[in-house]
Amino acid sequence: MAEKDITQKRLEDYPDVFADIFNVLLFKGEQVIKPTEEDLEPALPRSIYKMDEKIHEQERDVAKFWRSGQIRLALLGLENQSKVDNDMPLRVIGYDGAAYREQLNHDEESKPKMRYPVVTLVLYFGEKHWTAPRSLKKCFDIPPALNKFVNDYKIRVIEVAWLSDSVINKFQSDFRIVANFFKQRRLNKGYIASKQEWRHVQAVLELLAAATRDDRYVLEYDKEKERPKDMDAWLTEKINGGIAQGEKRLSKLMNLLLTSGKNQEAIEATTNPARRMELYREYNIALT
């Protein structure tokens, strides 16, 4: 999800958004992590490992050190996923393990006075439930005789589109807009804005555009001669207008398919979004 990673990293890298995500998802909304650059020190997302006598790099999506004064309390990481990934526990243990290994790569004078733990959240933006393993042991077919000797490593996957309203309402940053958008997109029942002030307008719109593969949000915002004063109302109008347009487009396609006796393709059009896009193009139905 290269395109999505770029936009999600831009939004999530803001201290207020980063702190908000962890405060809500780990601490039930309690303001444990302060959204300041003094408390959240940018961390290099890249780590290096050696394999086959070659040096390789691996890169997290977003990572920051949580600090208290000069002391690092923890390394906090975010990984973004739009699709289910069966190898996610392997990826996370690779990132976390590299962060722990880094704490050993110091001489006596420069090594940290206090070692710190690593916490990683996987933010999953898909519309279907996460069905892949959430623990390392589930990634393998372990012989029963070995099972008790294999150490496990669990990952924390957050299904953003399936968060409850009570959890979404705890977010105080622009991430509430994002979570609200993905949940309503999954439910596909129009859009009701979250009624809050937007702080990082461009970053939010670019994330939504990338997530939906629809640049309309960014393009139409850029065309505005005056920036909308009420972004909630503006986005509601754009999304609901798009939904209505989409319903007309699907209705036109269904009429063409059913009158041609192509019942199987009609079923595919209603159940498979990717196939529906192919049929739109095949029947020259404009997507805008």
C-alpha atoms as a PDB file:
ATOM      1  CA  MET A   1       0.000   0.000   0.000  1.00  0.00           C
ATOM      2  CA  ALA A   2       2.759   2.412  -0.963  1.00  0.00           C
ATOM      3  CA  GLU A   3       0.440   5.300  -1.864  1.00  0.00           C
ATOM      4  CA  LYS A   4      -1.572   4.926   1.319  1.00  0.00           C
ATOM      5  CA  ASP A   5       1.574   4.684   3.457  1.00  0.00           C
ATOM      6  CA  ILE A   6       2.778   8.102   2.277  1.00  0.00           C
ATOM      7  CA  THR A   7      -0.436   9.886   3.223  1.00  0.00           C
ATOM      8  CA  GLN A   8      -1.046   7.988   6.448  1.00  0.00           C
ATOM      9  CA  LYS A   9       2.487   8.675   7.604  1.00  0.00           C
ATOM     10  CA  ARG A  10       2.031  12.369   6.929  1.00  0.00           C
ATOM     11  CA  LEU A  11      -1.079  12.618   9.102  1.00  0.00           C
ATOM     12  CA  GLU A  12       0.049  10.209  11.831  1.00  0.00           C
ATOM     13  CA  ASP A  13       3.419  11.922  12.160  1.00  0.00           C
ATOM     14  CA  TYR A  14       1.836  15.029  13.703  1.00  0.00           C
ATOM     15  CA  PRO A  15       2.396  14.846  17.500  1.00  0.00           C
ATOM     16  CA  ASP A  16      -1.258  15.561  18.317  1.00  0.00           C
ATOM     17  CA  VAL A  17      -2.476  12.745  16.037  1.00  0.00           C
ATOM     18  CA  PHE A  18       0.237  10.291  17.081  1.00  0.00           C
ATOM     19  CA  ALA A  19      -0.370  10.846  20.806  1.00  0.00           C
ATOM     20  CA  ASP A  20      -4.141  10.706  20.323  1.00  0.00           C
ATOM     21  CA  ILE A  21      -3.987   7.306  18.607  1.00  0.00           C
ATOM     22  CA  PHE A  22      -2.022   5.747  21.468  1.00  0.00           C
ATOM     23  CA  ASN A  23      -3.945   7.522  24.247  1.00  0.00           C
ATOM     24  CA  VAL A  24      -7.270   6.213  22.933  1.00  0.00           C
ATOM     25  CA  LEU A  25      -6.245   2.741  21.788  1.00  0.00           C
ATOM     26  CA  LEU A  26      -3.986   1.937  24.750  1.00  0.00           C
ATOM     27  CA  PHE A  27      -5.222   4.143  27.592  1.00  0.00           C
ATOM     28  CA  LYS A  28      -8.965   4.465  26.816  1.00  0.00           C
ATOM     29  CA  GLY A  29      -8.706   8.179  26.128  1.00  0.00           C
ATOM     30  CA  GLU A  30      -6.709   9.163  29.194  1.00  0.00           C
ATOM     31  CA  GLN A  31      -4.130  11.790  28.235  1.00  0.00           C
ATOM     32  CA  VAL A  32      -1.084   9.774  29.280  1.00  0.00           C
ATOM     33  CA  ILE A  33       1.129  10.783  26.331  1.00  0.00           C
ATOM     34  CA  LYS A  34       1.431  14.526  25.791  1.00  0.00           C
ATOM     35  CA  PRO A  35       1.178  15.724  22.165  1.00  0.00           C
ATOM     36  CA  THR A  36       4.372  17.767  22.253  1.00  0.00           C
ATOM     37  CA  GLU A  37       7.671  17.452  20.439  1.00  0.00           C
ATOM     38  CA  GLU A  38       9.394  17.408  23.835  1.00  0.00           C
ATOM     39  CA  ASP A  39       7.511  14.241  24.823  1.00  0.00           C
ATOM     40  CA  LEU A  40       7.521  12.641  21.370  1.00  0.00           C
ATOM     41  CA  GLU A  41      10.964  12.512  19.807  1.00  0.00           C
ATOM     42  CA  PRO A  42      11.067  11.489  16.135  1.00  0.00           C
ATOM     43  CA  ALA A  43      12.731   8.120  15.685  1.00  0.00           C
ATOM     44  CA  LEU A  44      14.478   6.933  12.576  1.00  0.00           C
ATOM     45  CA  PRO A  45      12.043   4.396  11.090  1.00  0.00           C
ATOM     46  CA  ARG A  46      14.802   2.457   9.340  1.00  0.00           C
ATOM     47  CA  SER A  47      16.729  -0.425  10.853  1.00  0.00           C
ATOM     48  CA  ILE A  48      19.469  -2.533   9.320  1.00  0.00           C
ATOM     49  CA  TYR A  49      19.967  -6.288   9.378  1.00  0.00           C
ATOM     50  CA  LYS A  50      22.427  -8.666   7.757  1.00  0.00           C
ATOM     51  CA  MET A  51      21.372 -11.613   5.582  1.00  0.00           C
ATOM     52  CA  ASP A  52      23.369 -13.678   3.084  1.00  0.00           C
ATOM     53  CA  GLU A  53      26.413 -11.492   3.806  1.00  0.00           C
ATOM     54  CA  LYS A  54      24.451  -8.453   2.602  1.00  0.00           C
ATOM     55  CA  ILE A  55      23.135  -5.456   4.486  1.00  0.00           C
ATOM     56  CA  HIS A  56      19.369  -4.862   4.193  1.00  0.00           C
ATOM     57  CA  GLU A  57      17.097  -2.128   5.455  1.00  0.00           C
ATOM     58  CA  GLN A  58      13.613  -2.435   6.865  1.00  0.00           C
ATOM     59  CA  GLU A  59      11.384   0.547   7.523  1.00  0.00           C
ATOM     60  CA  ARG A  60       8.530   1.163   9.916  1.00  0.00           C
ATOM     61  CA  ASP A  61       5.634   3.389   8.892  1.00  0.00           C
ATOM     62  CA  VAL A  62       5.800   5.820  11.836  1.00  0.00           C
ATOM     63  CA  ALA A  63       7.888   5.660  15.006  1.00  0.00           C
ATOM     64  CA  LYS A  64       8.523   8.037  17.903  1.00  0.00           C
ATOM     65  CA  PHE A  65      10.288   7.862  21.241  1.00  0.00           C
ATOM     66  CA  TRP A  66       8.045   8.651  24.203  1.00  0.00           C
ATOM     67  CA  ARG A  67      10.169  10.652  26.613  1.00  0.00           C
ATOM     68  CA  SER A  68      10.125  12.097  30.096  1.00  0.00           C
ATOM     69  CA  GLY A  69      12.805  14.744  30.116  1.00  0.00           C
ATOM     70  CA  GLN A  70      15.976  13.089  28.845  1.00  0.00           C
ATOM     71  CA  ILE A  71      14.733   9.566  29.578  1.00  0.00           C
ATOM     72  CA  ARG A  72      13.187   7.468  26.833  1.00  0.00           C
ATOM     73  CA  LEU A  73      10.186   5.638  28.282  1.00  0.00           C
ATOM     74  CA  ALA A  74       9.334   3.620  25.153  1.00  0.00           C
ATOM     75  CA  LEU A  75       9.566   3.411  21.395  1.00  0.00           C
ATOM     76  CA  LEU A  76       6.083   3.614  19.889  1.00  0.00           C
ATOM     77  CA  GLY A  77       5.461   2.412  16.351  1.00  0.00           C
ATOM     78  CA  LEU A  78       2.543   2.436  13.917  1.00  0.00           C
ATOM     79  CA  GLU A  79       2.113   0.090  10.962  1.00  0.00           C
ATOM     80  CA  ASN A  80      -0.617   0.799   8.371  1.00  0.00           C
ATOM     81  CA  GLN A  81      -2.418  -1.990   6.552  1.00  0.00           C
ATOM     82  CA  SER A  82      -5.221  -1.791   4.012  1.00  0.00           C
ATOM     83  CA  LYS A  83      -5.121  -5.526   3.305  1.00  0.00           C
ATOM     84  CA  VAL A  84      -4.873  -8.602   5.492  1.00  0.00           C
ATOM     85  CA  ASP A  85      -1.251  -9.782   5.730  1.00  0.00           C
ATOM     86  CA  ASN A  86      -0.514 -13.320   6.949  1.00  0.00           C
ATOM     87  CA  ASP A  87       3.101 -12.355   7.632  1.00  0.00           C
ATOM     88  CA  MET A  88       2.332  -9.364   9.864  1.00  0.00           C
ATOM     89  CA  PRO A  89       3.573 -11.010  13.104  1.00  0.00           C
ATOM     90  CA  LEU A  90       6.879 -11.737  11.348  1.00  0.00           C
ATOM     91  CA  ARG A  91       7.151  -8.150  10.161  1.00  0.00           C
ATOM     92  CA  VAL A  92       6.369  -6.675  13.573  1.00  0.00           C
ATOM     93  CA  ILE A  93       8.807  -8.912  15.434  1.00  0.00           C
ATOM     94  CA  GLY A  94      11.429  -7.868  12.881  1.00  0.00           C
ATOM     95  CA  TYR A  95      10.807  -4.168  13.580  1.00  0.00           C
ATOM     96  CA  ASP A  96      10.608  -4.622  17.348  1.00  0.00           C
ATOM     97  CA  GLY A  97      13.595  -6.938  17.490  1.00  0.00           C
ATOM     98  CA  ALA A  98      15.713  -4.448  15.553  1.00  0.00           C
ATOM     99  CA  ALA A  99      14.727  -1.717  18.031  1.00  0.00           C
ATOM    100  CA  TYR A 100      15.774  -3.883  20.973  1.00  0.00           C
ATOM    101  CA  ARG A 101      18.999  -4.850  19.222  1.00  0.00           C
ATOM    102  CA  GLU A 102      19.778  -1.168  18.667  1.00  0.00           C
ATOM    103  CA  GLN A 103      19.837  -0.675  22.424  1.00  0.00           C
ATOM    104  CA  LEU A 104      22.796  -3.041  22.586  1.00  0.00           C
ATOM    105  CA  ASN A 105      24.755  -1.312  19.810  1.00  0.00           C
ATOM    106  CA  HIS A 106      26.406   1.281  22.019  1.00  0.00           C
ATOM    107  CA  ASP A 107      29.652   1.572  23.892  1.00  0.00           C
ATOM    108  CA  GLU A 108      29.588   2.092  27.646  1.00  0.00           C
ATOM    109  CA  GLU A 109      29.571   5.878  27.374  1.00  0.00           C
ATOM    110  CA  SER A 110      26.802   6.234  24.784  1.00  0.00           C
ATOM    111  CA  LYS A 111      24.437   3.389  25.656  1.00  0.00           C
ATOM    112  CA  PRO A 112      21.050   4.405  27.135  1.00  0.00           C
ATOM    113  CA  LYS A 113      20.998   4.887  30.893  1.00  0.00           C
ATOM    114  CA  MET A 114      17.699   3.036  30.984  1.00  0.00           C
ATOM    115  CA  ARG A 115      16.520   0.595  28.353  1.00  0.00           C
ATOM    116  CA  TYR A 116      13.027   1.060  27.012  1.00  0.00           C
ATOM    117  CA  PRO A 117      10.266  -1.248  25.738  1.00  0.00           C
ATOM    118  CA  VAL A 118       8.835  -1.210  22.222  1.00  0.00           C
ATOM    119  CA  VAL A 119       5.098  -1.043  21.498  1.00  0.00           C
ATOM    120  CA  THR A 120       3.711  -1.427  17.969  1.00  0.00           C
ATOM    121  CA  LEU A 121       0.128  -0.949  16.801  1.00  0.00           C
ATOM    122  CA  VAL A 122      -1.086  -2.240  13.443  1.00  0.00           C
ATOM    123  CA  LEU A 123      -3.784   0.079  12.088  1.00  0.00           C
ATOM    124  CA  TYR A 124      -5.895  -1.951   9.688  1.00  0.00           C
ATOM    125  CA  PHE A 125      -8.144   0.130   7.398  1.00  0.00           C
ATOM    126  CA  GLY A 126      -9.866  -2.718   5.540  1.00  0.00           C
ATOM    127  CA  GLU A 127     -13.641  -3.097   5.411  1.00  0.00           C
ATOM    128  CA  LYS A 128     -13.592  -6.814   6.262  1.00  0.00           C
ATOM    129  CA  HIS A 129     -12.385  -8.276   9.549  1.00  0.00           C
ATOM    130  CA  TRP A 130      -8.714  -9.122   9.979  1.00  0.00           C
ATOM    131  CA  THR A 131      -8.455 -12.884   9.432  1.00  0.00           C
ATOM    132  CA  ALA A 132      -4.660 -13.261   9.434  1.00  0.00           C
ATOM    133  CA  PRO A 133      -2.599 -14.459  12.417  1.00  0.00           C
ATOM    134  CA  ARG A 134      -2.215 -12.124  15.370  1.00  0.00           C
ATOM    135  CA  SER A 135       0.590 -14.115  16.936  1.00  0.00           C
ATOM    136  CA  LEU A 136       3.886 -15.541  15.782  1.00  0.00           C
ATOM    137  CA  LYS A 137       3.024 -19.174  16.547  1.00  0.00           C
ATOM    138  CA  LYS A 138      -0.039 -18.988  14.300  1.00  0.00           C
ATOM    139  CA  CYS A 139       2.266 -18.309  11.335  1.00  0.00           C
ATOM    140  CA  PHE A 140       3.682 -21.829  11.427  1.00  0.00           C
ATOM    141  CA  ASP A 141       2.599 -25.445  11.469  1.00  0.00           C
ATOM    142  CA  ILE A 142       4.478 -26.319  14.631  1.00  0.00           C
ATOM    143  CA  PRO A 143       5.000 -30.028  15.416  1.00  0.00           C
ATOM    144  CA  PRO A 144       3.054 -30.782  18.621  1.00  0.00           C
ATOM    145  CA  ALA A 145       6.202 -32.001  20.344  1.00  0.00           C
ATOM    146  CA  LEU A 146       7.834 -28.575  19.795  1.00  0.00           C
ATOM    147  CA  ASN A 147       4.867 -26.347  20.516  1.00  0.00           C
ATOM    148  CA  LYS A 148       5.618 -25.658  24.173  1.00  0.00           C
ATOM    149  CA  PHE A 149       9.233 -24.782  23.364  1.00  0.00           C
ATOM    150  CA  VAL A 150       8.403 -22.126  20.732  1.00  0.00           C
ATOM    151  CA  ASN A 151       8.124 -18.623  22.131  1.00  0.00           C
ATOM    152  CA  ASP A 152       5.085 -16.679  20.973  1.00  0.00           C
ATOM    153  CA  TYR A 153       4.894 -13.003  20.009  1.00  0.00           C
ATOM    154  CA  LYS A 154       1.508 -11.358  19.755  1.00  0.00           C
ATOM    155  CA  ILE A 155       0.646  -8.282  17.735  1.00  0.00           C
ATOM    156  CA  ARG A 156      -2.071  -5.732  18.394  1.00  0.00           C
ATOM    157  CA  VAL A 157      -4.231  -5.176  15.304  1.00  0.00           C
ATOM    158  CA  ILE A 158      -6.721  -2.298  15.407  1.00  0.00           C
ATOM    159  CA  GLU A 159      -9.607  -2.693  12.946  1.00  0.00           C
ATOM    160  CA  VAL A 160     -10.251   1.016  12.382  1.00  0.00           C
ATOM    161  CA  ALA A 161     -13.432   0.542  10.328  1.00  0.00           C
ATOM    162  CA  TRP A 162     -14.888  -1.611  13.120  1.00  0.00           C
ATOM    163  CA  LEU A 163     -14.209   0.664  16.098  1.00  0.00           C
ATOM    164  CA  SER A 164     -17.261   1.407  18.227  1.00  0.00           C
ATOM    165  CA  ASP A 165     -18.741   4.894  18.279  1.00  0.00           C
ATOM    166  CA  SER A 166     -17.752   5.223  21.944  1.00  0.00           C
ATOM    167  CA  VAL A 167     -14.097   4.602  21.051  1.00  0.00           C
ATOM    168  CA  ILE A 168     -14.152   6.856  17.975  1.00  0.00           C
ATOM    169  CA  ASN A 169     -15.626   9.696  20.018  1.00  0.00           C
ATOM    170  CA  LYS A 170     -12.663   9.524  22.414  1.00  0.00           C
ATOM    171  CA  PHE A 171     -10.285  10.704  19.678  1.00  0.00           C
ATOM    172  CA  GLN A 172      -9.565  14.423  19.993  1.00  0.00           C
ATOM    173  CA  SER A 173      -7.386  14.839  16.912  1.00  0.00           C
ATOM    174  CA  ASP A 174      -8.148  14.575  13.201  1.00  0.00           C
ATOM    175  CA  PHE A 175      -7.912  10.816  13.564  1.00  0.00           C
ATOM    176  CA  ARG A 176     -11.538  10.888  14.710  1.00  0.00           C
ATOM    177  CA  ILE A 177     -12.471  12.151  11.244  1.00  0.00           C
ATOM    178  CA  VAL A 178     -10.473   9.316   9.673  1.00  0.00           C
ATOM    179  CA  ALA A 179     -11.930   6.595  11.896  1.00  0.00           C
ATOM    180  CA  ASN A 180     -15.437   7.950  11.401  1.00  0.00           C
ATOM    181  CA  PHE A 181     -14.933   8.011   7.630  1.00  0.00           C
ATOM    182  CA  PHE A 182     -13.712   4.420   7.414  1.00  0.00           C
ATOM    183  CA  LYS A 183     -16.493   3.088   9.638  1.00  0.00           C
ATOM    184  CA  GLN A 184     -19.215   4.846   7.649  1.00  0.00           C
ATOM    185  CA  ARG A 185     -17.591   3.764   4.385  1.00  0.00           C
ATOM    186  CA  ARG A 186     -17.813   0.148   5.586  1.00  0.00           C
ATOM    187  CA  LEU A 187     -21.461   0.570   6.557  1.00  0.00           C
ATOM    188  CA  ASN A 188     -22.144   2.386   3.260  1.00  0.00           C
ATOM    189  CA  LYS A 189     -25.053   4.351   4.665  1.00  0.00           C
ATOM    190  CA  GLY A 190     -24.089   7.861   3.632  1.00  0.00           C
ATOM    191  CA  TYR A 191     -21.902  10.107   5.711  1.00  0.00           C
ATOM    192  CA  ILE A 192     -22.546  12.007   8.933  1.00  0.00           C
ATOM    193  CA  ALA A 193     -19.703  14.325   9.917  1.00  0.00           C
ATOM    194  CA  SER A 194     -17.965  14.068  13.279  1.00  0.00           C
ATOM    195  CA  LYS A 195     -18.601  17.739  14.124  1.00  0.00           C
ATOM    196  CA  GLN A 196     -15.126  18.848  15.074  1.00  0.00           C
ATOM    197  CA  GLU A 197     -12.557  21.387  13.997  1.00  0.00           C
ATOM    198  CA  TRP A 198     -10.048  20.123  11.432  1.00  0.00           C
ATOM    199  CA  ARG A 199      -6.392  20.892  12.140  1.00  0.00           C
ATOM    200  CA  HIS A 200      -4.543  19.143   9.302  1.00  0.00           C
ATOM    201  CA  VAL A 201      -6.984  19.548   6.419  1.00  0.00           C
ATOM    202  CA  GLN A 202      -4.719  18.691   3.506  1.00  0.00           C
ATOM    203  CA  ALA A 203      -3.266  15.616   5.249  1.00  0.00           C
ATOM    204  CA  VAL A 204      -6.723  14.256   6.067  1.00  0.00           C
ATOM    205  CA  LEU A 205      -8.041  14.784   2.542  1.00  0.00           C
ATOM    206  CA  GLU A 206      -4.988  13.184   0.972  1.00  0.00           C
ATOM    207  CA  LEU A 207      -5.396  10.140   3.196  1.00  0.00           C
ATOM    208  CA  LEU A 208      -9.070   9.784   2.284  1.00  0.00           C
ATOM    209  CA  ALA A 209      -8.274  10.239  -1.410  1.00  0.00           C
ATOM    210  CA  ALA A 210      -5.598   7.552  -1.308  1.00  0.00           C
ATOM    211  CA  ALA A 211      -7.756   5.164   0.703  1.00  0.00           C
ATOM    212  CA  THR A 212     -10.634   5.379  -1.767  1.00  0.00           C
ATOM    213  CA  ARG A 213      -8.475   5.695  -4.901  1.00  0.00           C
ATOM    214  CA  ASP A 214     -10.548   8.775  -5.592  1.00  0.00           C
ATOM    215  CA  ASP A 215      -8.727  12.105  -5.913  1.00  0.00           C
ATOM    216  CA  ARG A 216     -12.012  14.004  -5.870  1.00  0.00           C
ATOM    217  CA  TYR A 217     -11.581  15.210  -2.291  1.00  0.00           C
ATOM    218  CA  VAL A 218      -8.179  16.775  -2.915  1.00  0.00           C
ATOM    219  CA  LEU A 219      -8.954  18.058  -6.419  1.00  0.00           C
ATOM    220  CA  GLU A 220     -12.201  19.736  -5.434  1.00  0.00           C
ATOM    221  CA  TYR A 221     -10.632  21.241  -2.327  1.00  0.00           C
ATOM    222  CA  ASP A 222      -7.805  22.659  -4.436  1.00  0.00           C
ATOM    223  CA  LYS A 223     -10.354  24.184  -6.822  1.00  0.00           C
ATOM    224  CA  GLU A 224     -12.090  26.116  -4.060  1.00  0.00           C
ATOM    225  CA  LYS A 225     -11.407  29.855  -4.451  1.00  0.00           C
ATOM    226  CA  GLU A 226     -11.949  30.293  -0.725  1.00  0.00           C
ATOM    227  CA  ARG A 227     -11.167  27.566   1.780  1.00  0.00           C
ATOM    228  CA  PRO A 228     -14.372  26.157   3.299  1.00  0.00           C
ATOM    229  CA  LYS A 229     -14.977  27.429   6.810  1.00  0.00           C
ATOM    230  CA  ASP A 230     -16.884  24.291   7.787  1.00  0.00           C
ATOM    231  CA  MET A 231     -14.909  21.277   6.570  1.00  0.00           C
ATOM    232  CA  ASP A 232     -17.412  18.855   8.123  1.00  0.00           C
ATOM    233  CA  ALA A 233     -20.229  20.275   6.018  1.00  0.00           C
ATOM    234  CA  TRP A 234     -18.003  20.405   2.930  1.00  0.00           C
ATOM    235  CA  LEU A 235     -16.923  16.753   3.243  1.00  0.00           C
ATOM    236  CA  THR A 236     -20.455  15.604   4.000  1.00  0.00           C
ATOM    237  CA  GLU A 237     -21.697  17.253   0.814  1.00  0.00           C
ATOM    238  CA  LYS A 238     -18.905  15.748  -1.297  1.00  0.00           C
ATOM    239  CA  ILE A 239     -19.233  12.217   0.083  1.00  0.00           C
ATOM    240  CA  ASN A 240     -23.016  12.032   0.054  1.00  0.00           C
ATOM    241  CA  GLY A 241     -23.057  13.536  -3.431  1.00  0.00           C
ATOM    242  CA  GLY A 242     -20.590  10.866  -4.500  1.00  0.00           C
ATOM    243  CA  ILE A 243     -22.720   8.126  -2.949  1.00  0.00           C
ATOM    244  CA  ALA A 244     -25.818   9.353  -4.797  1.00  0.00           C
ATOM    245  CA  GLN A 245     -23.834   9.518  -8.033  1.00  0.00           C
ATOM    246  CA  GLY A 246     -22.524   6.008  -7.392  1.00  0.00           C
ATOM    247  CA  GLU A 247     -26.049   4.665  -6.882  1.00  0.00           C
ATOM    248  CA  LYS A 248     -27.159   6.140 -10.223  1.00  0.00           C
ATOM    249  CA  ARG A 249     -24.081   4.667 -11.921  1.00  0.00           C
ATOM    250  CA  LEU A 250     -24.737   1.192 -10.490  1.00  0.00           C
ATOM    251  CA  SER A 251     -28.422   1.380 -11.419  1.00  0.00           C
ATOM    252  CA  LYS A 252     -27.483   2.175 -15.021  1.00  0.00           C
ATOM    253  CA  LEU A 253     -25.065  -0.753 -15.147  1.00  0.00           C
ATOM    254  CA  MET A 254     -27.628  -3.168 -13.667  1.00  0.00           C
ATOM    255  CA  ASN A 255     -30.223  -2.158 -16.239  1.00  0.00           C
ATOM    256  CA  LEU A 256     -27.763  -2.812 -19.060  1.00  0.00           C
ATOM    257  CA  LEU A 257     -26.751  -6.212 -17.665  1.00  0.00           C
ATOM    258  CA  LEU A 258     -30.230  -7.474 -16.828  1.00  0.00           C
ATOM    259  CA  THR A 259     -31.781  -6.389 -20.133  1.00  0.00           C
ATOM    260  CA  SER A 260     -28.945  -8.235 -21.893  1.00  0.00           C
ATOM    261  CA  GLY A 261     -29.606 -11.376 -19.848  1.00  0.00           C
ATOM    262  CA  LYS A 262     -26.208 -11.222 -18.156  1.00  0.00           C
ATOM    263  CA  ASN A 263     -27.448 -12.239 -14.726  1.00  0.00           C
ATOM    264  CA  GLN A 264     -24.102 -13.603 -13.511  1.00  0.00           C
ATOM    265  CA  GLU A 265     -22.350 -10.341 -14.311  1.00  0.00           C
ATOM    266  CA  ALA A 266     -25.135  -8.477 -12.495  1.00  0.00           C
ATOM    267  CA  ILE A 267     -24.433 -10.569  -9.386  1.00  0.00           C
ATOM    268  CA  GLU A 268     -20.713  -9.877  -9.718  1.00  0.00           C
ATOM    269  CA  ALA A 269     -21.385  -6.148 -10.052  1.00  0.00           C
ATOM    270  CA  THR A 270     -23.219  -6.042  -6.723  1.00  0.00           C
ATOM    271  CA  THR A 271     -20.845  -8.285  -4.759  1.00  0.00           C
ATOM    272  CA  ASN A 272     -17.374  -7.541  -6.134  1.00  0.00           C
ATOM    273  CA  PRO A 273     -16.220  -3.876  -6.205  1.00  0.00           C
ATOM    274  CA  ALA A 274     -13.191  -4.635  -8.412  1.00  0.00           C
ATOM    275  CA  ARG A 275     -15.354  -6.485 -10.939  1.00  0.00           C
ATOM    276  CA  ARG A 276     -17.889  -3.639 -10.839  1.00  0.00           C
ATOM    277  CA  MET A 277     -15.161  -1.183 -11.871  1.00  0.00           C
ATOM    278  CA  GLU A 278     -14.210  -3.459 -14.775  1.00  0.00           C
ATOM    279  CA  LEU A 279     -17.834  -3.574 -15.938  1.00  0.00           C
ATOM    280  CA  TYR A 280     -18.152   0.207 -15.746  1.00  0.00           C
ATOM    281  CA  ARG A 281     -15.242   0.505 -18.143  1.00  0.00           C
ATOM    282  CA  GLU A 282     -16.462  -2.335 -20.348  1.00  0.00           C
ATOM    283  CA  TYR A 283     -19.863  -0.675 -20.788  1.00  0.00           C
ATOM    284  CA  ASN A 284     -18.396   2.838 -21.070  1.00  0.00           C
ATOM    285  CA  ILE A 285     -20.124   4.149 -17.983  1.00  0.00           C
ATOM    286  CA  ALA A 286     -18.365   7.316 -16.819  1.00  0.00           C
ATOM    287  CA  LEU A 287     -16.865   7.180 -13.337  1.00  0.00           C
ATOM    288  CA  THR A 288     -17.121  10.920 -12.809  1.00  0.00           C
END
